[in-house]
N, C-alpha and C. Protein backbone atom coordinates (compact mmCIF):
# COMPACT_ATOMS: atom_id res chain seq x y z
N MET A 1 108.02 99.05 102.72
CA MET A 1 108.79 99.55 103.84
C MET A 1 108.62 101.07 103.99
N MET A 2 108.39 101.77 102.88
CA MET A 2 108.20 103.22 102.96
C MET A 2 106.93 103.54 103.74
N ASP A 3 105.87 102.74 103.54
CA ASP A 3 104.63 102.97 104.28
C ASP A 3 104.86 102.86 105.78
N ALA A 4 105.62 101.87 106.19
CA ALA A 4 105.91 101.68 107.62
C ALA A 4 106.67 102.89 108.17
N ALA A 5 107.62 103.39 107.40
CA ALA A 5 108.39 104.56 107.85
C ALA A 5 107.50 105.79 107.96
N LEU A 6 106.62 105.99 106.98
CA LEU A 6 105.73 107.14 107.02
C LEU A 6 104.75 107.05 108.19
N ARG A 7 104.22 105.87 108.43
CA ARG A 7 103.34 105.69 109.59
C ARG A 7 104.10 105.95 110.88
N ALA A 8 105.34 105.49 110.93
CA ALA A 8 106.14 105.67 112.15
C ALA A 8 106.38 107.14 112.45
N ILE A 9 106.74 107.92 111.45
CA ILE A 9 107.06 109.33 111.70
C ILE A 9 105.81 110.21 111.80
N ALA A 10 104.66 109.64 111.52
CA ALA A 10 103.42 110.42 111.64
C ALA A 10 103.10 110.74 113.10
N GLU A 11 103.62 109.96 114.01
CA GLU A 11 103.33 110.14 115.44
C GLU A 11 104.35 111.10 116.06
N PRO A 12 103.89 112.18 116.67
CA PRO A 12 104.82 113.18 117.21
C PRO A 12 105.85 112.65 118.21
N ARG A 13 105.46 111.74 119.08
CA ARG A 13 106.43 111.21 120.05
C ARG A 13 107.54 110.43 119.36
N ARG A 14 107.20 109.75 118.31
CA ARG A 14 108.24 109.01 117.57
C ARG A 14 109.22 109.96 116.90
N ARG A 15 108.71 111.06 116.39
CA ARG A 15 109.61 112.07 115.82
C ARG A 15 110.53 112.62 116.89
N GLU A 16 109.99 112.83 118.09
CA GLU A 16 110.81 113.33 119.19
C GLU A 16 111.87 112.29 119.58
N ILE A 17 111.50 111.03 119.60
CA ILE A 17 112.47 109.97 119.89
C ILE A 17 113.59 110.00 118.86
N LEU A 18 113.23 110.15 117.59
CA LEU A 18 114.26 110.23 116.54
C LEU A 18 115.20 111.40 116.79
N ARG A 19 114.67 112.54 117.22
CA ARG A 19 115.54 113.70 117.52
C ARG A 19 116.50 113.36 118.66
N LEU A 20 115.99 112.66 119.68
CA LEU A 20 116.82 112.32 120.83
C LEU A 20 117.98 111.41 120.45
N VAL A 21 117.73 110.47 119.56
CA VAL A 21 118.76 109.47 119.23
C VAL A 21 119.46 109.78 117.91
N TRP A 22 119.30 111.00 117.41
CA TRP A 22 119.92 111.36 116.13
C TRP A 22 121.44 111.40 116.23
N ASP A 23 121.96 112.05 117.24
CA ASP A 23 123.40 112.24 117.36
C ASP A 23 124.09 111.29 118.32
N GLU A 24 123.30 110.59 119.12
CA GLU A 24 123.92 109.69 120.09
C GLU A 24 123.03 108.49 120.35
N GLU A 25 123.67 107.42 120.73
CA GLU A 25 122.98 106.20 121.10
C GLU A 25 122.52 106.35 122.55
N LEU A 26 121.25 106.06 122.80
CA LEU A 26 120.71 106.20 124.15
C LEU A 26 120.03 104.92 124.60
N PRO A 27 120.11 104.62 125.89
CA PRO A 27 119.38 103.47 126.41
C PRO A 27 117.88 103.77 126.49
N ALA A 28 117.10 102.72 126.38
CA ALA A 28 115.64 102.87 126.40
C ALA A 28 115.16 103.61 127.64
N GLY A 29 115.75 103.33 128.79
CA GLY A 29 115.33 103.99 130.03
C GLY A 29 115.55 105.49 129.99
N GLN A 30 116.64 105.91 129.41
CA GLN A 30 116.94 107.35 129.31
C GLN A 30 115.97 108.01 128.33
N ILE A 31 115.61 107.30 127.28
CA ILE A 31 114.62 107.84 126.33
C ILE A 31 113.27 107.97 127.03
N ALA A 32 112.89 106.92 127.74
CA ALA A 32 111.59 106.91 128.42
C ALA A 32 111.48 108.02 129.46
N ALA A 33 112.60 108.35 130.10
CA ALA A 33 112.60 109.39 131.14
C ALA A 33 112.23 110.76 130.59
N ARG A 34 112.35 110.96 129.30
CA ARG A 34 112.04 112.25 128.68
C ARG A 34 110.56 112.45 128.38
N PHE A 35 109.76 111.40 128.58
CA PHE A 35 108.35 111.45 128.21
C PHE A 35 107.45 111.25 129.42
N ASP A 36 106.24 111.77 129.32
CA ASP A 36 105.27 111.63 130.40
C ASP A 36 104.30 110.48 130.14
N ILE A 37 104.81 109.44 129.50
CA ILE A 37 104.03 108.23 129.25
C ILE A 37 104.78 107.04 129.86
N THR A 38 104.14 105.90 129.90
CA THR A 38 104.75 104.74 130.53
C THR A 38 105.95 104.24 129.74
N ARG A 39 106.83 103.54 130.42
CA ARG A 39 107.98 102.94 129.73
C ARG A 39 107.51 101.96 128.68
N SER A 40 106.42 101.28 128.98
CA SER A 40 105.86 100.32 128.02
C SER A 40 105.44 101.03 126.73
N ALA A 41 104.82 102.19 126.86
CA ALA A 41 104.41 102.96 125.68
C ALA A 41 105.63 103.40 124.87
N VAL A 42 106.67 103.84 125.57
CA VAL A 42 107.91 104.24 124.87
C VAL A 42 108.51 103.03 124.17
N SER A 43 108.49 101.89 124.82
CA SER A 43 109.00 100.66 124.20
C SER A 43 108.24 100.33 122.92
N GLN A 44 106.92 100.54 122.95
CA GLN A 44 106.12 100.31 121.75
C GLN A 44 106.55 101.26 120.63
N HIS A 45 106.74 102.52 120.96
CA HIS A 45 107.18 103.50 119.95
C HIS A 45 108.55 103.09 119.38
N LEU A 46 109.45 102.66 120.25
CA LEU A 46 110.77 102.22 119.79
C LEU A 46 110.65 101.00 118.87
N ARG A 47 109.75 100.11 119.21
CA ARG A 47 109.55 98.92 118.37
C ARG A 47 109.06 99.31 116.97
N VAL A 48 108.11 100.24 116.92
CA VAL A 48 107.60 100.71 115.63
C VAL A 48 108.73 101.34 114.81
N LEU A 49 109.54 102.18 115.45
CA LEU A 49 110.67 102.81 114.75
C LEU A 49 111.67 101.77 114.27
N LYS A 50 111.90 100.76 115.08
CA LYS A 50 112.84 99.70 114.70
C LYS A 50 112.29 98.89 113.53
N GLU A 51 111.01 98.53 113.59
CA GLU A 51 110.39 97.76 112.50
C GLU A 51 110.37 98.55 111.20
N ALA A 52 110.29 99.87 111.30
CA ALA A 52 110.33 100.73 110.11
C ALA A 52 111.76 100.98 109.65
N ASP A 53 112.72 100.42 110.37
CA ASP A 53 114.14 100.53 110.05
C ASP A 53 114.67 101.96 110.19
N LEU A 54 114.04 102.72 111.09
CA LEU A 54 114.46 104.10 111.32
C LEU A 54 115.44 104.23 112.47
N VAL A 55 115.50 103.21 113.33
CA VAL A 55 116.48 103.18 114.41
C VAL A 55 117.13 101.80 114.46
N THR A 56 118.32 101.77 115.04
CA THR A 56 118.98 100.49 115.30
C THR A 56 118.88 100.23 116.80
N GLU A 57 118.91 98.95 117.14
CA GLU A 57 118.88 98.55 118.53
C GLU A 57 120.10 97.68 118.78
N ARG A 58 120.81 97.99 119.85
CA ARG A 58 121.99 97.21 120.22
C ARG A 58 121.86 96.84 121.68
N ARG A 59 122.08 95.59 121.97
CA ARG A 59 121.99 95.13 123.35
C ARG A 59 123.37 95.09 123.98
N VAL A 60 123.45 95.65 125.18
CA VAL A 60 124.67 95.61 125.97
C VAL A 60 124.23 95.15 127.36
N GLY A 61 124.51 93.91 127.67
CA GLY A 61 124.03 93.36 128.93
C GLY A 61 122.52 93.33 128.92
N THR A 62 121.93 93.96 129.90
CA THR A 62 120.46 94.01 129.96
C THR A 62 119.90 95.28 129.33
N SER A 63 120.76 96.17 128.89
CA SER A 63 120.31 97.43 128.28
C SER A 63 120.11 97.29 126.79
N ARG A 64 119.18 98.06 126.29
CA ARG A 64 118.98 98.18 124.85
C ARG A 64 119.28 99.62 124.48
N LEU A 65 120.19 99.78 123.54
CA LEU A 65 120.61 101.11 123.11
C LEU A 65 120.04 101.38 121.72
N TYR A 66 119.55 102.59 121.54
CA TYR A 66 118.92 102.96 120.28
C TYR A 66 119.62 104.15 119.66
N ARG A 67 119.66 104.12 118.34
CA ARG A 67 120.25 105.22 117.57
C ARG A 67 119.50 105.35 116.25
N ALA A 68 119.30 106.60 115.81
CA ALA A 68 118.64 106.85 114.52
C ALA A 68 119.50 106.33 113.38
N ARG A 69 118.86 105.98 112.29
CA ARG A 69 119.56 105.58 111.07
C ARG A 69 119.40 106.70 110.05
N PRO A 70 120.31 107.67 110.07
CA PRO A 70 120.18 108.84 109.17
C PRO A 70 120.06 108.46 107.70
N GLU A 71 120.73 107.40 107.28
CA GLU A 71 120.66 107.02 105.87
C GLU A 71 119.25 106.59 105.49
N ARG A 72 118.56 105.91 106.38
CA ARG A 72 117.18 105.48 106.12
C ARG A 72 116.26 106.69 106.14
N ILE A 73 116.48 107.59 107.06
CA ILE A 73 115.67 108.79 107.15
C ILE A 73 115.89 109.66 105.91
N SER A 74 117.10 109.66 105.38
CA SER A 74 117.39 110.38 104.13
C SER A 74 116.60 109.79 102.97
N GLU A 75 116.45 108.47 102.95
CA GLU A 75 115.65 107.82 101.91
C GLU A 75 114.19 108.27 101.99
N VAL A 76 113.67 108.34 103.21
CA VAL A 76 112.29 108.78 103.40
C VAL A 76 112.15 110.23 102.96
N ARG A 77 113.12 111.05 103.33
CA ARG A 77 113.06 112.46 102.93
C ARG A 77 113.12 112.61 101.41
N ALA A 78 113.99 111.85 100.77
CA ALA A 78 114.10 111.92 99.31
C ALA A 78 112.78 111.52 98.66
N TRP A 79 112.15 110.49 99.20
CA TRP A 79 110.86 110.05 98.66
C TRP A 79 109.82 111.16 98.82
N LEU A 80 109.77 111.75 100.02
CA LEU A 80 108.82 112.83 100.26
C LEU A 80 109.08 114.02 99.35
N ASP A 81 110.36 114.39 99.22
CA ASP A 81 110.71 115.51 98.34
C ASP A 81 110.25 115.25 96.91
N GLY A 82 110.49 114.03 96.43
CA GLY A 82 110.06 113.68 95.08
C GLY A 82 108.56 113.68 94.94
N HIS A 83 107.89 113.11 95.92
CA HIS A 83 106.43 113.03 95.89
C HIS A 83 105.82 114.43 95.92
N TRP A 84 106.22 115.24 96.89
CA TRP A 84 105.64 116.57 97.02
C TRP A 84 106.15 117.52 95.94
N GLY A 85 107.39 117.32 95.50
CA GLY A 85 107.92 118.17 94.44
C GLY A 85 107.07 118.08 93.19
N GLN A 86 106.69 116.86 92.81
CA GLN A 86 105.83 116.68 91.63
C GLN A 86 104.48 117.32 91.83
N ARG A 87 103.90 117.13 93.00
CA ARG A 87 102.58 117.69 93.28
C ARG A 87 102.62 119.21 93.28
N LEU A 88 103.69 119.77 93.86
CA LEU A 88 103.79 121.23 93.91
C LEU A 88 103.99 121.81 92.51
N GLU A 89 104.75 121.13 91.67
CA GLU A 89 104.92 121.60 90.29
C GLU A 89 103.59 121.58 89.55
N THR A 90 102.80 120.54 89.76
CA THR A 90 101.49 120.45 89.13
C THR A 90 100.60 121.59 89.61
N LEU A 91 100.59 121.83 90.91
CA LEU A 91 99.80 122.91 91.48
C LEU A 91 100.26 124.26 90.94
N LYS A 92 101.57 124.45 90.88
CA LYS A 92 102.13 125.71 90.36
C LYS A 92 101.66 125.93 88.93
N GLY A 93 101.71 124.88 88.12
CA GLY A 93 101.26 125.00 86.73
C GLY A 93 99.80 125.36 86.63
N ALA A 94 98.97 124.77 87.48
CA ALA A 94 97.54 125.07 87.47
C ALA A 94 97.28 126.51 87.88
N VAL A 95 97.98 126.99 88.88
CA VAL A 95 97.81 128.37 89.34
C VAL A 95 98.25 129.34 88.24
N GLU A 96 99.39 129.05 87.60
CA GLU A 96 99.87 129.93 86.53
C GLU A 96 98.90 129.94 85.35
N TRP A 97 98.36 128.79 85.00
CA TRP A 97 97.40 128.71 83.91
C TRP A 97 96.16 129.54 84.23
N ASP A 98 95.66 129.40 85.46
CA ASP A 98 94.47 130.13 85.88
C ASP A 98 94.74 131.64 85.88
N GLU A 99 95.92 132.03 86.31
CA GLU A 99 96.29 133.44 86.32
C GLU A 99 96.33 134.01 84.90
N GLN A 100 96.92 133.26 83.98
CA GLN A 100 96.98 133.71 82.59
C GLN A 100 95.58 133.81 81.99
N ARG A 101 94.73 132.86 82.31
CA ARG A 101 93.36 132.86 81.80
C ARG A 101 92.61 134.08 82.31
N ARG A 102 92.80 134.42 83.56
CA ARG A 102 92.14 135.59 84.14
C ARG A 102 92.62 136.88 83.48
N ARG A 103 93.91 136.95 83.22
CA ARG A 103 94.46 138.17 82.57
C ARG A 103 93.87 138.34 81.18
N ARG A 104 93.74 137.23 80.45
CA ARG A 104 93.17 137.31 79.10
C ARG A 104 91.71 137.74 79.12
N ARG A 105 91.02 137.40 80.19
CA ARG A 105 89.60 137.75 80.30
C ARG A 105 89.43 139.18 80.82
N GLY A 106 90.55 139.82 81.19
CA GLY A 106 90.50 141.22 81.55
C GLY A 106 90.21 141.54 82.99
N GLY A 107 90.49 140.66 83.88
CA GLY A 107 90.24 141.03 85.27
C GLY A 107 90.73 139.96 86.24
N THR A 108 90.69 140.33 87.46
CA THR A 108 91.03 139.40 88.52
C THR A 108 89.86 139.34 89.47
N ARG A 109 89.75 138.25 90.10
CA ARG A 109 88.68 138.08 91.09
C ARG A 109 89.17 138.48 92.47
N THR A 110 88.24 138.92 93.23
CA THR A 110 88.54 139.18 94.64
C THR A 110 87.80 138.13 95.45
N PRO A 111 88.31 137.81 96.60
CA PRO A 111 87.61 136.81 97.43
C PRO A 111 86.18 137.24 97.69
N GLY A 112 85.27 136.32 97.50
CA GLY A 112 83.86 136.57 97.74
C GLY A 112 83.17 137.30 96.60
N GLY A 113 83.91 137.58 95.53
CA GLY A 113 83.28 138.37 94.47
C GLY A 113 83.48 137.78 93.21
């Protein structure tokens, strides 16, 4: 499910849709009106977000109302923070090790030299 969420938020329009429905529930037509693409394309984006469990859909009569699921988005953020946090710590350690090694050798390098 995390892969689906990451693929969903990789698309800029989907991130914009999430911003629109973060604080309020909006009908699909109102969401579509904010974009310069077809309603069908917006519906596809909404479907991807729904399948990734990043938005909820509620039907009222013939309208479909969408709202972000902040708790699910928090899970994705926590995963990303953990994933990148580990990678950044590894990178930081490598840079510090290289810096110490250069100091022991008595010099620093300059770009291109």
